[in-house]
Amino acid sequence: MLSSIRKYRELTIPLTDEVIRSLSAGDSVSLSGVIYTARDAAHKRMVEMLERGEDIPFDSEGCVIYYAGPSPTRPGAVIGSIGPTTSARMDAYSPLLIRRGLKIMIGKGVRNDAVKRALAGHCGLYMVSIGGAAALISRSVKSASVIAFPDLGTEAIRRLEVENFRAIIAIDSHGHDIYERNSYCI
């Protein structure tokens, strides 16, 4: 994937468009602030709500969604292991959410052209997290609460407060993608 990390930045969510534009595919970041978890079942419900003219369970303007569903929480822990899931499963839903204010998505794997165009057109970012490091990632979560769709179990939407959540910019707001062969950063 990457031959080397371009630069490292510590960032506090929410990010301004100026900060988002300053980030490049291949940059390593550490995020602190509020992020929401949502996987495919929650995305489907949110898009259906928007199509009916309803609000989704959180303010999407400038938000960050992490494609993850945590494992059960051990006694005394804030959350269980919480690794990224395959982002392509959200591709059908992401452009609408991006148009409605979603700024950053975190997951793993490639995204389709519609998502890339939406990110470039609305000053957004797609970040990847390290698959297989779910237990390590859970250490970045300082608080967690289910805010919507509890019937979905691990796929319920959660509000997480994170500190030093590590990720790599996979697709920047200019359309550069670390997964493309001709990209300048592979």
Protein backbone atom coordinates (compact mmCIF):
# COMPACT_ATOMS: atom_id res chain seq x y z
CA MET A 1 0.00 0.00 0.00
CA LEU A 2 2.16 2.93 1.20
CA SER A 3 5.89 3.03 0.81
CA SER A 4 6.11 5.68 3.54
CA ILE A 5 3.91 8.03 5.53
CA ARG A 6 3.95 11.55 4.09
CA LYS A 7 3.36 13.53 7.29
CA TYR A 8 1.83 13.16 10.75
CA ARG A 9 -0.82 15.47 12.26
CA GLU A 10 -2.67 15.54 15.57
CA LEU A 11 -6.22 16.75 14.91
CA THR A 12 -9.23 17.70 17.00
CA ILE A 13 -12.69 16.93 15.60
CA PRO A 14 -14.59 18.68 14.09
CA LEU A 15 -12.17 19.61 11.32
CA THR A 16 -12.52 22.81 9.32
CA ASP A 17 -12.52 22.70 5.52
CA GLU A 18 -9.16 24.48 5.64
CA VAL A 19 -7.65 21.66 7.71
CA ILE A 20 -9.27 18.99 5.51
CA ARG A 21 -7.84 20.60 2.35
CA SER A 22 -4.37 20.67 3.96
CA LEU A 23 -4.34 16.87 4.41
CA SER A 24 -3.04 14.57 1.70
CA ALA A 25 -3.51 10.91 0.87
CA GLY A 26 -0.83 9.04 2.77
CA ASP A 27 -0.76 11.39 5.77
CA SER A 28 -0.95 9.76 9.19
CA VAL A 29 -3.29 11.39 11.70
CA SER A 30 -4.27 11.12 15.34
CA LEU A 31 -7.89 12.13 15.97
CA SER A 32 -9.41 13.35 19.22
CA GLY A 33 -13.07 14.28 19.68
CA VAL A 34 -16.44 12.71 18.86
CA ILE A 35 -16.93 10.05 16.19
CA TYR A 36 -19.94 7.84 15.48
CA THR A 37 -19.96 4.16 14.60
CA ALA A 38 -22.26 2.91 11.86
CA ARG A 39 -22.17 -0.12 9.59
CA ASP A 40 -24.30 -1.16 6.61
CA ALA A 41 -27.59 -1.84 8.44
CA ALA A 42 -27.44 1.55 10.19
CA HIS A 43 -26.48 3.29 6.93
CA LYS A 44 -29.47 1.75 5.18
CA ARG A 45 -31.79 3.02 7.91
CA MET A 46 -30.25 6.50 7.89
CA VAL A 47 -30.64 6.84 4.12
CA GLU A 48 -34.25 5.64 4.34
CA MET A 49 -34.88 8.27 7.05
CA LEU A 50 -33.37 11.02 4.89
CA GLU A 51 -35.40 9.92 1.88
CA ARG A 52 -38.58 10.21 4.02
CA GLY A 53 -37.52 13.74 5.05
CA GLU A 54 -36.61 12.71 8.61
CA ASP A 55 -33.51 13.66 10.55
CA ILE A 56 -30.88 11.02 11.27
CA PRO A 57 -30.01 10.29 14.95
CA PHE A 58 -27.09 12.76 15.10
CA ASP A 59 -26.07 16.01 13.45
CA SER A 60 -24.28 14.93 10.27
CA GLU A 61 -22.79 18.37 9.59
CA GLY A 62 -19.02 17.97 9.84
CA CYS A 63 -19.26 14.56 11.52
CA VAL A 64 -17.01 11.52 11.43
CA ILE A 65 -18.36 7.99 10.95
CA TYR A 66 -16.23 4.97 11.82
CA TYR A 67 -17.32 1.77 10.08
CA ALA A 68 -17.10 -0.51 13.09
CA GLY A 69 -19.14 -2.67 15.43
CA PRO A 70 -17.47 -3.39 18.75
CA SER A 71 -17.19 -6.80 20.32
CA PRO A 72 -18.73 -7.23 23.80
CA THR A 73 -17.27 -4.95 26.45
CA ARG A 74 -15.14 -6.62 29.13
CA PRO A 75 -15.93 -5.70 32.75
CA GLY A 76 -14.29 -2.37 33.61
CA ALA A 77 -13.61 -1.45 29.96
CA VAL A 78 -15.21 1.41 28.05
CA ILE A 79 -15.76 -0.68 24.91
CA GLY A 80 -14.77 -4.03 23.45
CA SER A 81 -12.37 -4.51 20.55
CA ILE A 82 -13.44 -2.17 17.77
CA GLY A 83 -11.70 -2.71 14.46
CA PRO A 84 -12.72 -1.28 11.08
CA THR A 85 -15.05 -3.10 8.72
CA THR A 86 -14.96 -3.16 4.91
CA SER A 87 -15.95 0.29 3.70
CA ALA A 88 -17.23 -0.75 0.27
CA ARG A 89 -20.37 -2.08 1.95
CA MET A 90 -21.33 1.55 2.67
CA ASP A 91 -20.60 2.86 -0.85
CA ALA A 92 -24.27 2.87 -1.92
CA TYR A 93 -25.18 5.08 1.04
CA SER A 94 -22.15 7.33 1.45
CA PRO A 95 -22.67 9.94 -1.32
CA LEU A 96 -26.03 11.04 0.12
CA LEU A 97 -24.59 11.28 3.63
CA ILE A 98 -21.61 13.25 2.30
CA ARG A 99 -23.98 15.67 0.55
CA ARG A 100 -25.77 16.06 3.90
CA GLY A 101 -22.60 17.10 5.72
CA LEU A 102 -20.63 13.95 6.55
CA LYS A 103 -16.96 14.99 6.34
CA ILE A 104 -14.90 11.97 7.33
CA MET A 105 -15.35 8.21 7.06
CA ILE A 106 -12.99 5.69 8.64
CA GLY A 107 -12.87 2.04 7.61
CA LYS A 108 -10.72 -0.30 5.57
CA GLY A 109 -10.36 -1.03 1.88
CA VAL A 110 -11.13 0.71 -1.39
CA ARG A 111 -14.09 2.99 -2.22
CA ASN A 112 -15.99 3.37 -5.48
CA ASP A 113 -15.84 6.34 -7.86
CA ALA A 114 -19.14 7.83 -6.64
CA VAL A 115 -17.74 8.10 -3.11
CA LYS A 116 -14.48 9.61 -4.39
CA ARG A 117 -16.40 12.23 -6.43
CA ALA A 118 -18.60 13.08 -3.44
CA LEU A 119 -15.55 13.53 -1.20
CA ALA A 120 -13.83 15.79 -3.74
CA GLY A 121 -17.03 17.76 -4.36
CA HIS A 122 -17.84 18.32 -0.68
CA CYS A 123 -14.38 18.67 0.94
CA GLY A 124 -14.35 15.29 2.67
CA LEU A 125 -11.87 12.60 3.61
CA TYR A 126 -11.77 8.83 3.73
CA MET A 127 -9.36 7.41 6.29
CA VAL A 128 -8.28 3.86 6.92
CA SER A 129 -7.60 2.31 10.27
CA ILE A 130 -5.49 -0.71 10.96
CA GLY A 131 -7.41 -3.95 10.53
CA GLY A 132 -6.44 -6.63 13.03
CA ALA A 133 -5.63 -4.07 15.72
CA ALA A 134 -9.13 -3.81 17.20
CA ALA A 135 -8.00 -4.29 20.79
CA LEU A 136 -5.39 -1.56 20.39
CA ILE A 137 -7.89 0.82 18.79
CA SER A 138 -10.29 0.37 21.71
CA ARG A 139 -7.72 2.07 23.96
CA SER A 140 -8.41 5.34 22.09
CA VAL A 141 -12.10 5.25 23.09
CA LYS A 142 -12.69 7.26 26.27
CA SER A 143 -16.50 6.94 26.32
CA ALA A 144 -19.12 5.08 24.30
CA SER A 145 -22.91 5.13 24.24
CA VAL A 146 -25.56 3.69 21.92
CA ILE A 147 -27.55 6.60 20.44
CA ALA A 148 -29.71 4.84 17.83
CA PHE A 149 -30.94 1.48 16.55
CA PRO A 150 -30.14 -0.62 19.65
CA ASP A 151 -31.95 -3.54 18.00
CA LEU A 152 -29.00 -3.81 15.61
CA GLY A 153 -26.71 -4.97 18.44
CA THR A 154 -23.08 -4.42 17.46
CA GLU A 155 -24.28 -2.45 14.41
CA ALA A 156 -26.17 0.10 16.53
CA ILE A 157 -24.98 3.68 16.14
CA ARG A 158 -22.64 4.66 18.94
CA ARG A 159 -21.24 8.02 19.96
CA LEU A 160 -17.58 7.62 20.84
CA GLU A 161 -15.28 10.13 22.45
CA VAL A 162 -11.80 9.27 21.23
CA GLU A 163 -8.31 10.42 22.06
CA ASN A 164 -5.33 9.74 19.81
CA PHE A 165 -7.29 7.53 17.39
CA ARG A 166 -4.74 6.68 14.69
CA ALA A 167 -5.66 6.58 10.99
CA ILE A 168 -4.17 7.18 7.54
CA ILE A 169 -5.74 9.43 4.92
CA ALA A 170 -6.69 7.04 2.10
CA ILE A 171 -8.63 9.48 -0.12
CA ASP A 172 -8.07 13.20 0.33
CA SER A 173 -10.38 16.09 -0.55
CA HIS A 174 -8.56 16.50 -3.89
CA GLY A 175 -9.39 12.96 -5.02
CA HIS A 176 -5.95 11.40 -4.49
CA ASP A 177 -6.29 7.74 -3.47
CA ILE A 178 -3.58 5.58 -1.89
CA TYR A 179 -5.11 2.48 -3.47
CA GLU A 180 -4.70 3.66 -7.07
CA ARG A 181 -1.63 2.35 -8.88
CA ASN A 182 -0.78 5.70 -10.44
CA SER A 183 -1.19 7.64 -7.19
CA TYR A 184 1.77 9.73 -6.16
CA CYS A 185 1.91 8.22 -2.67
CA ILE A 186 2.18 4.46 -3.23
